[in-house]
Structures are given as structure tokens and as C-alpha cells.
Amino acid sequence: MAGDIAGRIAQLASTDKAPSAIVDAILREAVRARASDVHFEPVGSGLDIRFRLDGVLVSVAAVPPELRTILDMGNSILMAQVFA
């Protein structure tokens, strides 16, 4: 699972719809894995993405610093839609 989502993030990072596409891919994977929640934890200048599976937080991807800004933008877009 970790390699799948990390590879998908890297692949989507170069597209013109990168922020929302990356967040969408992460959430789709969380649903597929039946995660109860998703955590984005800052680690150094990157991010660790973790899913809660059966009550346990499991690391599914490490986002390198160069992609963190893109992912932060995607989260901002998602939150704007949730609270609109």
C-alpha cells in the first residue's frame, strides 16, 4: 500500500491538477483500505501520511519536501469545499 500511494503522489505531482488530484488519490486509497481517518504529520520539511486501520495508525507514504507545498494546497482546496 505504501509504495502504491507514494508512487501515485509522485506521478500526479507533475500534472496541472496536482493538488486536488493528489488529495483525491489519498482519500480514495483510504476508503479502499477502510481507514477510519487520515493523518498528515509534518516530519522535518516533508509529511508522513498515515491511515488509522483497525485502531492502529499505519504509515502509508512519506511525502518529500518538494511535494509538501503541492499537498498543502490540495488540503486547502479540500477544506474550502468542506466548509463552503
N, C-alpha and C. Protein backbone atom coordinates (compact mmCIF):
# COMPACT_ATOMS: atom_id res chain seq x y z
N MET A 1 0.83 -1.19 0.00
CA MET A 1 0.00 0.00 0.00
C MET A 1 0.88 1.25 0.00
N ALA A 2 1.93 1.29 0.84
CA ALA A 2 2.76 2.50 0.94
C ALA A 2 3.40 2.84 -0.40
N GLY A 3 3.94 1.85 -1.09
CA GLY A 3 4.56 2.11 -2.37
C GLY A 3 3.57 2.58 -3.41
N ASP A 4 2.35 2.04 -3.35
CA ASP A 4 1.32 2.42 -4.31
C ASP A 4 0.96 3.89 -4.19
N ILE A 5 0.68 4.35 -2.99
CA ILE A 5 0.24 5.73 -2.81
C ILE A 5 1.40 6.69 -3.02
N ALA A 6 2.60 6.33 -2.59
CA ALA A 6 3.76 7.20 -2.79
C ALA A 6 4.06 7.36 -4.27
N GLY A 7 3.96 6.28 -5.02
CA GLY A 7 4.18 6.33 -6.46
C GLY A 7 3.12 7.15 -7.16
N ARG A 8 1.89 7.02 -6.71
CA ARG A 8 0.78 7.79 -7.30
C ARG A 8 0.95 9.28 -7.03
N ILE A 9 1.39 9.63 -5.82
CA ILE A 9 1.63 11.04 -5.49
C ILE A 9 2.70 11.61 -6.41
N ALA A 10 3.80 10.89 -6.57
CA ALA A 10 4.88 11.36 -7.44
C ALA A 10 4.40 11.51 -8.89
N GLN A 11 3.59 10.58 -9.35
CA GLN A 11 3.07 10.62 -10.72
C GLN A 11 2.14 11.83 -10.92
N LEU A 12 1.29 12.08 -9.95
CA LEU A 12 0.31 13.17 -10.07
C LEU A 12 0.93 14.55 -9.86
N ALA A 13 2.09 14.61 -9.23
CA ALA A 13 2.72 15.90 -8.89
C ALA A 13 3.03 16.73 -10.12
N SER A 14 3.22 16.10 -11.26
CA SER A 14 3.60 16.85 -12.46
C SER A 14 2.39 17.26 -13.32
N THR A 15 1.19 16.95 -12.87
CA THR A 15 0.00 17.31 -13.65
C THR A 15 -0.49 18.71 -13.27
N ASP A 16 -1.29 19.30 -14.12
CA ASP A 16 -1.80 20.65 -13.85
C ASP A 16 -2.88 20.66 -12.76
N LYS A 17 -3.43 19.53 -12.43
CA LYS A 17 -4.44 19.44 -11.37
C LYS A 17 -3.86 18.73 -10.15
N ALA A 18 -2.55 18.85 -9.96
CA ALA A 18 -1.84 18.11 -8.92
C ALA A 18 -2.44 18.22 -7.52
N PRO A 19 -2.67 19.41 -6.98
CA PRO A 19 -3.13 19.46 -5.58
C PRO A 19 -4.41 18.66 -5.31
N SER A 20 -5.45 18.91 -6.08
CA SER A 20 -6.71 18.20 -5.83
C SER A 20 -6.61 16.73 -6.24
N ALA A 21 -5.86 16.43 -7.27
CA ALA A 21 -5.71 15.04 -7.71
C ALA A 21 -4.97 14.20 -6.67
N ILE A 22 -3.96 14.78 -6.03
CA ILE A 22 -3.20 14.05 -5.01
C ILE A 22 -4.08 13.77 -3.79
N VAL A 23 -4.79 14.79 -3.33
CA VAL A 23 -5.68 14.59 -2.17
C VAL A 23 -6.75 13.57 -2.51
N ASP A 24 -7.30 13.64 -3.70
CA ASP A 24 -8.31 12.67 -4.15
C ASP A 24 -7.74 11.25 -4.13
N ALA A 25 -6.52 11.07 -4.63
CA ALA A 25 -5.90 9.74 -4.66
C ALA A 25 -5.68 9.21 -3.25
N ILE A 26 -5.25 10.08 -2.34
CA ILE A 26 -5.03 9.67 -0.95
C ILE A 26 -6.35 9.25 -0.31
N LEU A 27 -7.39 10.05 -0.51
CA LEU A 27 -8.69 9.72 0.09
C LEU A 27 -9.30 8.46 -0.51
N ARG A 28 -9.13 8.28 -1.81
CA ARG A 28 -9.63 7.05 -2.44
C ARG A 28 -8.92 5.82 -1.86
N GLU A 29 -7.61 5.94 -1.67
CA GLU A 29 -6.85 4.82 -1.09
C GLU A 29 -7.29 4.58 0.35
N ALA A 30 -7.58 5.65 1.09
CA ALA A 30 -8.04 5.49 2.47
C ALA A 30 -9.37 4.75 2.51
N VAL A 31 -10.27 5.10 1.61
CA VAL A 31 -11.56 4.41 1.54
C VAL A 31 -11.36 2.96 1.15
N ARG A 32 -10.51 2.72 0.15
CA ARG A 32 -10.25 1.35 -0.29
C ARG A 32 -9.67 0.50 0.85
N ALA A 33 -8.79 1.11 1.65
CA ALA A 33 -8.16 0.40 2.76
C ALA A 33 -9.07 0.31 3.99
N ARG A 34 -10.24 0.98 3.91
CA ARG A 34 -11.20 1.02 5.01
C ARG A 34 -10.62 1.73 6.24
N ALA A 35 -9.88 2.81 5.98
CA ALA A 35 -9.30 3.61 7.07
C ALA A 35 -10.39 4.44 7.73
N SER A 36 -10.32 4.55 9.05
CA SER A 36 -11.31 5.37 9.76
C SER A 36 -10.91 6.84 9.75
N ASP A 37 -9.62 7.14 9.59
CA ASP A 37 -9.18 8.52 9.45
C ASP A 37 -7.81 8.58 8.78
N VAL A 38 -7.46 9.79 8.34
CA VAL A 38 -6.21 10.03 7.61
C VAL A 38 -5.46 11.13 8.35
N HIS A 39 -4.18 10.90 8.59
CA HIS A 39 -3.33 11.88 9.28
C HIS A 39 -2.23 12.35 8.34
N PHE A 40 -1.99 13.67 8.33
CA PHE A 40 -0.88 14.28 7.61
C PHE A 40 0.04 14.84 8.68
N GLU A 41 1.15 14.16 8.95
CA GLU A 41 2.03 14.57 10.03
C GLU A 41 3.32 15.18 9.49
N PRO A 42 3.61 16.44 9.87
CA PRO A 42 4.87 17.05 9.43
C PRO A 42 6.05 16.28 10.02
N VAL A 43 6.98 15.94 9.16
CA VAL A 43 8.21 15.25 9.57
C VAL A 43 9.35 15.97 8.88
N GLY A 44 10.15 16.71 9.67
CA GLY A 44 11.18 17.53 9.05
C GLY A 44 10.49 18.55 8.16
N SER A 45 10.88 18.61 6.91
CA SER A 45 10.22 19.52 5.98
C SER A 45 9.26 18.77 5.05
N GLY A 46 9.09 17.48 5.26
CA GLY A 46 8.16 16.67 4.47
C GLY A 46 6.92 16.33 5.28
N LEU A 47 6.19 15.33 4.82
CA LEU A 47 4.97 14.87 5.50
C LEU A 47 4.95 13.35 5.56
N ASP A 48 4.40 12.83 6.63
CA ASP A 48 4.13 11.40 6.72
C ASP A 48 2.61 11.25 6.65
N ILE A 49 2.14 10.44 5.72
CA ILE A 49 0.69 10.20 5.59
C ILE A 49 0.40 8.87 6.27
N ARG A 50 -0.54 8.92 7.21
CA ARG A 50 -0.88 7.70 7.95
C ARG A 50 -2.39 7.49 7.93
N PHE A 51 -2.77 6.22 7.84
CA PHE A 51 -4.17 5.82 7.91
C PHE A 51 -4.39 5.09 9.23
N ARG A 52 -5.56 5.30 9.83
CA ARG A 52 -5.92 4.50 11.00
C ARG A 52 -6.67 3.28 10.50
N LEU A 53 -6.05 2.12 10.69
CA LEU A 53 -6.62 0.84 10.25
C LEU A 53 -6.80 -0.05 11.47
N ASP A 54 -8.02 -0.44 11.74
CA ASP A 54 -8.33 -1.26 12.91
C ASP A 54 -7.78 -0.67 14.19
N GLY A 55 -7.88 0.66 14.33
CA GLY A 55 -7.46 1.34 15.54
C GLY A 55 -5.97 1.66 15.63
N VAL A 56 -5.21 1.29 14.61
CA VAL A 56 -3.75 1.49 14.63
C VAL A 56 -3.35 2.43 13.50
N LEU A 57 -2.53 3.46 13.81
CA LEU A 57 -2.02 4.34 12.77
C LEU A 57 -0.91 3.63 12.00
N VAL A 58 -1.09 3.57 10.69
CA VAL A 58 -0.13 2.89 9.81
C VAL A 58 0.39 3.90 8.80
N SER A 59 1.71 4.03 8.72
CA SER A 59 2.31 4.93 7.75
C SER A 59 2.13 4.35 6.35
N VAL A 60 1.58 5.17 5.44
CA VAL A 60 1.32 4.68 4.08
C VAL A 60 2.17 5.39 3.03
N ALA A 61 2.70 6.57 3.37
CA ALA A 61 3.54 7.29 2.40
C ALA A 61 4.31 8.39 3.11
N ALA A 62 5.51 8.64 2.60
CA ALA A 62 6.32 9.77 3.04
C ALA A 62 6.36 10.75 1.87
N VAL A 63 5.93 11.97 2.13
CA VAL A 63 5.91 13.00 1.09
C VAL A 63 7.19 13.83 1.23
N PRO A 64 8.01 13.87 0.19
CA PRO A 64 9.25 14.64 0.27
C PRO A 64 8.97 16.14 0.31
N PRO A 65 9.93 16.91 0.80
CA PRO A 65 9.73 18.37 0.93
C PRO A 65 9.27 19.06 -0.35
N GLU A 66 9.77 18.64 -1.49
CA GLU A 66 9.42 19.32 -2.75
C GLU A 66 7.96 19.11 -3.14
N LEU A 67 7.29 18.11 -2.57
CA LEU A 67 5.87 17.87 -2.87
C LEU A 67 4.95 18.36 -1.76
N ARG A 68 5.52 18.72 -0.62
CA ARG A 68 4.69 19.12 0.52
C ARG A 68 3.84 20.35 0.19
N THR A 69 4.40 21.34 -0.49
CA THR A 69 3.65 22.54 -0.84
C THR A 69 2.45 22.20 -1.70
N ILE A 70 2.63 21.30 -2.65
CA ILE A 70 1.53 20.88 -3.53
C ILE A 70 0.43 20.22 -2.70
N LEU A 71 0.83 19.36 -1.78
CA LEU A 71 -0.15 18.66 -0.95
C LEU A 71 -0.84 19.63 0.01
N ASP A 72 -0.11 20.60 0.54
CA ASP A 72 -0.73 21.62 1.40
C ASP A 72 -1.80 22.39 0.63
N MET A 73 -1.52 22.71 -0.64
CA MET A 73 -2.51 23.41 -1.47
C MET A 73 -3.74 22.53 -1.67
N GLY A 74 -3.54 21.24 -1.88
CA GLY A 74 -4.66 20.32 -2.07
C GLY A 74 -5.53 20.23 -0.83
N ASN A 75 -4.90 20.21 0.35
CA ASN A 75 -5.67 20.18 1.59
C ASN A 75 -6.46 21.46 1.78
N SER A 76 -5.87 22.60 1.38
CA SER A 76 -6.58 23.87 1.47
C SER A 76 -7.80 23.88 0.56
N ILE A 77 -7.66 23.34 -0.64
CA ILE A 77 -8.78 23.25 -1.58
C ILE A 77 -9.88 22.37 -0.99
N LEU A 78 -9.49 21.23 -0.42
CA LEU A 78 -10.46 20.30 0.18
C LEU A 78 -11.20 20.98 1.33
N MET A 79 -10.49 21.66 2.21
CA MET A 79 -11.14 22.31 3.35
C MET A 79 -12.09 23.42 2.90
N ALA A 80 -11.71 24.14 1.86
CA ALA A 80 -12.58 25.20 1.33
C ALA A 80 -13.88 24.60 0.82
N GLN A 81 -13.81 23.41 0.21
CA GLN A 81 -15.01 22.76 -0.29
C GLN A 81 -15.87 22.22 0.85
N VAL A 82 -15.22 21.70 1.88
CA VAL A 82 -15.96 21.13 3.02
C VAL A 82 -16.73 22.20 3.76
N PHE A 83 -16.11 23.37 3.93
CA PHE A 83 -16.75 24.42 4.70
C PHE A 83 -17.48 25.46 3.87
N ALA A 84 -17.62 25.21 2.57
CA ALA A 84 -18.32 26.18 1.71
C ALA A 84 -19.82 26.07 1.88
